[in-house]
Amino acid sequence: MFLARVTGSVVATPKVASMTGHKLLTVDPLRVDPRDRNRLVSTGRTFVVVDAVGAGQGELVLIVQGSSARMAPELEKLPVDATIIGIVDTVNVENQTIFSARNAE
């Protein structure tokens, strides 16, 4: 699993029939900044993921990849490699809150 920020959406009108009705989003994976463990920073990569929870632009989300991405019942037979499985409320590192959705801008 990893943390990511939703950065946009993807529209693909022609696609395999089983993917019809599934929202695709772009996300920017994040990691704890090794120089300042009080913040999250971009990994510099972008992923396209299936949204299983109704995430929105700018939200911090929890992503799973590989076979875990198909564990949600509605996705088990789909050709997906990465899925949003949660919208993050808080992130704590070394007993300190470094992200809170309540305080997010």
N, C-alpha and C. Protein backbone atom coordinates (compact mmCIF):
# COMPACT_ATOMS: atom_id res chain seq x y z
N MET A 1 0.84 -1.18 0.00
CA MET A 1 0.00 0.00 0.00
C MET A 1 0.88 1.24 0.00
N PHE A 2 0.33 2.30 -0.56
CA PHE A 2 1.04 3.57 -0.50
C PHE A 2 0.06 4.73 -0.49
N LEU A 3 0.57 5.89 -0.07
CA LEU A 3 -0.21 7.12 -0.04
C LEU A 3 -0.04 7.86 -1.35
N ALA A 4 -1.08 8.56 -1.77
CA ALA A 4 -1.00 9.36 -2.99
C ALA A 4 -2.02 10.49 -2.92
N ARG A 5 -1.78 11.53 -3.70
CA ARG A 5 -2.72 12.64 -3.81
C ARG A 5 -3.39 12.53 -5.18
N VAL A 6 -4.72 12.66 -5.19
CA VAL A 6 -5.46 12.63 -6.46
C VAL A 6 -5.17 13.93 -7.20
N THR A 7 -4.70 13.79 -8.46
CA THR A 7 -4.31 14.96 -9.24
C THR A 7 -5.20 15.21 -10.45
N GLY A 8 -6.00 14.23 -10.85
CA GLY A 8 -6.83 14.43 -12.03
C GLY A 8 -7.64 13.20 -12.36
N SER A 9 -8.24 13.21 -13.53
CA SER A 9 -9.06 12.09 -13.97
C SER A 9 -8.68 11.67 -15.38
N VAL A 10 -9.10 10.48 -15.74
CA VAL A 10 -8.84 9.94 -17.07
C VAL A 10 -10.17 9.51 -17.66
N VAL A 11 -10.43 9.92 -18.89
CA VAL A 11 -11.62 9.47 -19.62
C VAL A 11 -11.15 8.63 -20.79
N ALA A 12 -11.64 7.41 -20.86
CA ALA A 12 -11.32 6.50 -21.96
C ALA A 12 -12.63 5.92 -22.46
N THR A 13 -13.20 6.53 -23.51
CA THR A 13 -14.50 6.09 -23.99
C THR A 13 -14.43 4.68 -24.57
N PRO A 14 -13.54 4.41 -25.54
CA PRO A 14 -13.42 3.02 -25.97
C PRO A 14 -12.52 2.27 -24.99
N LYS A 15 -13.06 1.20 -24.40
CA LYS A 15 -12.31 0.38 -23.45
C LYS A 15 -12.98 -0.99 -23.35
N VAL A 16 -12.34 -1.92 -22.66
CA VAL A 16 -12.95 -3.24 -22.49
C VAL A 16 -14.26 -3.05 -21.73
N ALA A 17 -15.25 -3.83 -22.09
CA ALA A 17 -16.59 -3.67 -21.55
C ALA A 17 -16.64 -3.75 -20.02
N SER A 18 -15.80 -4.60 -19.42
CA SER A 18 -15.85 -4.76 -17.96
C SER A 18 -15.42 -3.51 -17.21
N MET A 19 -14.75 -2.58 -17.88
CA MET A 19 -14.30 -1.35 -17.22
C MET A 19 -15.33 -0.22 -17.30
N THR A 20 -16.40 -0.41 -18.05
CA THR A 20 -17.44 0.61 -18.16
C THR A 20 -18.02 0.91 -16.79
N GLY A 21 -18.12 2.19 -16.47
CA GLY A 21 -18.70 2.61 -15.20
C GLY A 21 -17.71 2.74 -14.05
N HIS A 22 -16.46 2.43 -14.29
CA HIS A 22 -15.44 2.55 -13.24
C HIS A 22 -14.64 3.83 -13.44
N LYS A 23 -14.60 4.67 -12.40
CA LYS A 23 -13.91 5.96 -12.48
C LYS A 23 -12.41 5.75 -12.42
N LEU A 24 -11.70 6.39 -13.35
CA LEU A 24 -10.24 6.34 -13.39
C LEU A 24 -9.68 7.70 -12.97
N LEU A 25 -8.70 7.69 -12.09
CA LEU A 25 -8.08 8.92 -11.60
C LEU A 25 -6.58 8.85 -11.75
N THR A 26 -5.94 10.01 -11.86
CA THR A 26 -4.49 10.07 -11.80
C THR A 26 -4.11 10.43 -10.37
N VAL A 27 -3.04 9.81 -9.89
CA VAL A 27 -2.56 10.09 -8.54
C VAL A 27 -1.04 10.29 -8.56
N ASP A 28 -0.59 11.08 -7.60
CA ASP A 28 0.83 11.35 -7.40
C ASP A 28 1.23 10.66 -6.09
N PRO A 29 1.98 9.55 -6.16
CA PRO A 29 2.41 8.87 -4.94
C PRO A 29 3.27 9.78 -4.07
N LEU A 30 3.13 9.59 -2.75
CA LEU A 30 3.85 10.41 -1.78
C LEU A 30 4.67 9.53 -0.85
N ARG A 31 5.68 10.14 -0.24
CA ARG A 31 6.49 9.46 0.77
C ARG A 31 6.85 10.47 1.84
N VAL A 32 7.28 9.96 2.98
CA VAL A 32 7.76 10.85 4.03
C VAL A 32 9.07 11.45 3.57
N ASP A 33 9.20 12.77 3.68
CA ASP A 33 10.42 13.47 3.28
C ASP A 33 11.57 13.01 4.17
N PRO A 34 12.64 12.44 3.60
CA PRO A 34 13.74 11.96 4.44
C PRO A 34 14.50 13.08 5.14
N ARG A 35 14.42 14.30 4.62
CA ARG A 35 15.12 15.45 5.24
C ARG A 35 14.27 16.16 6.28
N ASP A 36 12.95 16.00 6.16
CA ASP A 36 12.03 16.65 7.10
C ASP A 36 10.86 15.70 7.30
N ARG A 37 10.97 14.83 8.29
CA ARG A 37 9.98 13.76 8.48
C ARG A 37 8.63 14.27 8.94
N ASN A 38 8.45 15.59 8.92
CA ASN A 38 7.18 16.20 9.29
C ASN A 38 6.29 16.48 8.09
N ARG A 39 6.70 16.01 6.91
CA ARG A 39 5.88 16.30 5.73
C ARG A 39 5.99 15.18 4.70
N LEU A 40 5.02 15.15 3.81
CA LEU A 40 5.00 14.20 2.70
C LEU A 40 5.44 14.92 1.44
N VAL A 41 6.20 14.21 0.59
CA VAL A 41 6.66 14.78 -0.67
C VAL A 41 6.36 13.82 -1.81
N SER A 42 6.30 14.35 -3.00
CA SER A 42 6.03 13.56 -4.20
C SER A 42 7.19 12.62 -4.51
N THR A 43 6.85 11.47 -5.06
CA THR A 43 7.88 10.55 -5.55
C THR A 43 8.28 10.89 -6.98
N GLY A 44 7.51 11.80 -7.61
CA GLY A 44 7.80 12.18 -8.99
C GLY A 44 7.20 11.26 -10.03
N ARG A 45 6.30 10.39 -9.63
CA ARG A 45 5.66 9.47 -10.57
C ARG A 45 4.17 9.75 -10.61
N THR A 46 3.52 9.29 -11.65
CA THR A 46 2.06 9.41 -11.77
C THR A 46 1.50 8.03 -12.09
N PHE A 47 0.40 7.68 -11.44
CA PHE A 47 -0.29 6.42 -11.69
C PHE A 47 -1.72 6.70 -12.10
N VAL A 48 -2.28 5.80 -12.91
CA VAL A 48 -3.71 5.80 -13.18
C VAL A 48 -4.28 4.67 -12.33
N VAL A 49 -5.33 4.98 -11.58
CA VAL A 49 -5.92 4.01 -10.65
C VAL A 49 -7.43 3.97 -10.83
N VAL A 50 -8.02 2.88 -10.40
CA VAL A 50 -9.48 2.77 -10.35
C VAL A 50 -9.91 3.26 -8.97
N ASP A 51 -10.94 4.09 -8.95
CA ASP A 51 -11.44 4.64 -7.69
C ASP A 51 -12.58 3.77 -7.18
N ALA A 52 -12.35 3.09 -6.04
CA ALA A 52 -13.37 2.22 -5.46
C ALA A 52 -14.12 2.87 -4.31
N VAL A 53 -13.77 4.15 -3.97
CA VAL A 53 -14.36 4.76 -2.78
C VAL A 53 -14.95 6.15 -2.99
N GLY A 54 -14.89 6.69 -4.19
CA GLY A 54 -15.44 8.02 -4.45
C GLY A 54 -14.52 9.16 -4.06
N ALA A 55 -13.24 9.01 -4.31
CA ALA A 55 -12.25 10.05 -3.99
C ALA A 55 -12.39 11.22 -4.95
N GLY A 56 -11.90 12.38 -4.49
CA GLY A 56 -11.97 13.58 -5.31
C GLY A 56 -10.64 14.26 -5.48
N GLN A 57 -10.60 15.19 -6.38
CA GLN A 57 -9.41 15.98 -6.69
C GLN A 57 -8.78 16.54 -5.41
N GLY A 58 -7.48 16.34 -5.25
CA GLY A 58 -6.74 16.91 -4.13
C GLY A 58 -6.74 16.07 -2.87
N GLU A 59 -7.56 15.03 -2.80
CA GLU A 59 -7.62 14.23 -1.58
C GLU A 59 -6.41 13.30 -1.47
N LEU A 60 -6.03 13.03 -0.22
CA LEU A 60 -4.98 12.06 0.07
C LEU A 60 -5.65 10.70 0.19
N VAL A 61 -5.13 9.72 -0.55
CA VAL A 61 -5.77 8.41 -0.64
C VAL A 61 -4.79 7.29 -0.37
N LEU A 62 -5.34 6.12 -0.08
CA LEU A 62 -4.57 4.91 0.12
C LEU A 62 -4.75 4.02 -1.10
N ILE A 63 -3.62 3.57 -1.66
CA ILE A 63 -3.61 2.80 -2.91
C ILE A 63 -3.06 1.40 -2.65
N VAL A 64 -3.63 0.42 -3.32
CA VAL A 64 -3.04 -0.92 -3.38
C VAL A 64 -2.76 -1.25 -4.84
N GLN A 65 -1.75 -2.10 -5.04
CA GLN A 65 -1.35 -2.49 -6.39
C GLN A 65 -1.34 -4.00 -6.54
N GLY A 66 -1.20 -4.44 -7.78
CA GLY A 66 -1.07 -5.86 -8.07
C GLY A 66 -2.35 -6.62 -7.77
N SER A 67 -2.19 -7.88 -7.32
CA SER A 67 -3.37 -8.71 -7.06
C SER A 67 -4.26 -8.10 -5.98
N SER A 68 -3.69 -7.34 -5.05
CA SER A 68 -4.51 -6.69 -4.01
C SER A 68 -5.48 -5.69 -4.61
N ALA A 69 -5.15 -5.13 -5.77
CA ALA A 69 -6.02 -4.14 -6.42
C ALA A 69 -7.33 -4.76 -6.90
N ARG A 70 -7.37 -6.06 -7.00
CA ARG A 70 -8.58 -6.75 -7.45
C ARG A 70 -9.31 -7.47 -6.32
N MET A 71 -8.96 -7.17 -5.09
CA MET A 71 -9.58 -7.85 -3.94
C MET A 71 -10.96 -7.29 -3.59
N ALA A 72 -11.22 -6.04 -3.96
CA ALA A 72 -12.56 -5.49 -3.72
C ALA A 72 -13.55 -6.28 -4.58
N PRO A 73 -14.67 -6.70 -4.00
CA PRO A 73 -15.61 -7.56 -4.74
C PRO A 73 -16.01 -7.02 -6.11
N GLU A 74 -16.21 -5.70 -6.22
CA GLU A 74 -16.64 -5.14 -7.50
C GLU A 74 -15.52 -5.08 -8.55
N LEU A 75 -14.28 -5.40 -8.14
CA LEU A 75 -13.14 -5.30 -9.06
C LEU A 75 -12.45 -6.64 -9.31
N GLU A 76 -12.92 -7.72 -8.70
CA GLU A 76 -12.16 -8.96 -8.71
C GLU A 76 -11.91 -9.56 -10.09
N LYS A 77 -12.71 -9.25 -11.07
CA LYS A 77 -12.48 -9.82 -12.40
C LYS A 77 -12.07 -8.77 -13.43
N LEU A 78 -11.64 -7.61 -12.95
CA LEU A 78 -11.27 -6.52 -13.85
C LEU A 78 -9.77 -6.47 -14.09
N PRO A 79 -9.35 -5.95 -15.24
CA PRO A 79 -7.93 -5.83 -15.56
C PRO A 79 -7.33 -4.57 -14.92
N VAL A 80 -7.25 -4.55 -13.59
CA VAL A 80 -6.72 -3.38 -12.90
C VAL A 80 -5.45 -3.75 -12.13
N ASP A 81 -4.57 -2.78 -12.01
CA ASP A 81 -3.30 -2.99 -11.30
C ASP A 81 -3.14 -2.06 -10.11
N ALA A 82 -3.99 -1.04 -9.99
CA ALA A 82 -3.91 -0.12 -8.86
C ALA A 82 -5.31 0.42 -8.55
N THR A 83 -5.65 0.42 -7.25
CA THR A 83 -6.99 0.80 -6.82
C THR A 83 -6.92 1.68 -5.59
N ILE A 84 -7.76 2.72 -5.56
CA ILE A 84 -7.93 3.52 -4.34
C ILE A 84 -8.86 2.74 -3.43
N ILE A 85 -8.37 2.44 -2.20
CA ILE A 85 -9.20 1.69 -1.26
C ILE A 85 -9.58 2.50 -0.03
N GLY A 86 -9.07 3.73 0.08
CA GLY A 86 -9.43 4.55 1.23
C GLY A 86 -9.07 6.01 1.03
N ILE A 87 -9.81 6.87 1.71
CA ILE A 87 -9.50 8.31 1.75
C ILE A 87 -8.92 8.57 3.13
N VAL A 88 -7.73 9.14 3.18
CA VAL A 88 -6.96 9.27 4.41
C VAL A 88 -7.48 10.40 5.29
N ASP A 89 -7.64 10.10 6.57
CA ASP A 89 -8.02 11.10 7.56
C ASP A 89 -6.77 11.74 8.18
N THR A 90 -5.84 10.90 8.64
CA THR A 90 -4.60 11.40 9.24
C THR A 90 -3.44 10.48 8.91
N VAL A 91 -2.23 11.06 8.96
CA VAL A 91 -1.00 10.29 8.85
C VAL A 91 -0.14 10.71 10.04
N ASN A 92 0.32 9.71 10.79
CA ASN A 92 1.19 9.96 11.94
C ASN A 92 2.53 9.28 11.71
N VAL A 93 3.61 10.01 11.94
CA VAL A 93 4.97 9.48 11.82
C VAL A 93 5.70 9.83 13.11
N GLU A 94 6.27 8.82 13.73
CA GLU A 94 7.04 9.02 14.96
C GLU A 94 6.24 9.84 15.98
N ASN A 95 5.00 9.42 16.20
CA ASN A 95 4.09 10.04 17.18
C ASN A 95 3.74 11.49 16.87
N GLN A 96 3.88 11.89 15.63
CA GLN A 96 3.51 13.25 15.25
C GLN A 96 2.60 13.20 14.02
N THR A 97 1.50 13.96 14.06
CA THR A 97 0.59 14.02 12.93
C THR A 97 1.22 14.91 11.85
N ILE A 98 1.47 14.29 10.67
CA ILE A 98 2.07 15.07 9.58
C ILE A 98 1.05 15.41 8.49
N PHE A 99 -0.15 14.78 8.59
CA PHE A 99 -1.24 15.13 7.69
C PHE A 99 -2.55 14.93 8.43
N SER A 100 -3.45 15.89 8.26
CA SER A 100 -4.81 15.77 8.78
C SER A 100 -5.75 16.33 7.74
N ALA A 101 -6.71 15.52 7.30
CA ALA A 101 -7.69 15.98 6.30
C ALA A 101 -8.46 17.19 6.83
N ARG A 102 -8.66 17.23 8.12
CA ARG A 102 -9.37 18.34 8.75
C ARG A 102 -8.64 19.66 8.53
N ASN A 103 -7.29 19.62 8.48
CA ASN A 103 -6.49 20.83 8.33
C ASN A 103 -5.96 21.02 6.92
N ALA A 104 -6.31 20.13 6.00
CA ALA A 104 -5.79 20.20 4.62
C ALA A 104 -6.35 21.44 3.92
N GLU A 105 -5.54 21.98 3.04
CA GLU A 105 -5.95 23.16 2.27
C GLU A 105 -6.60 22.75 1.00
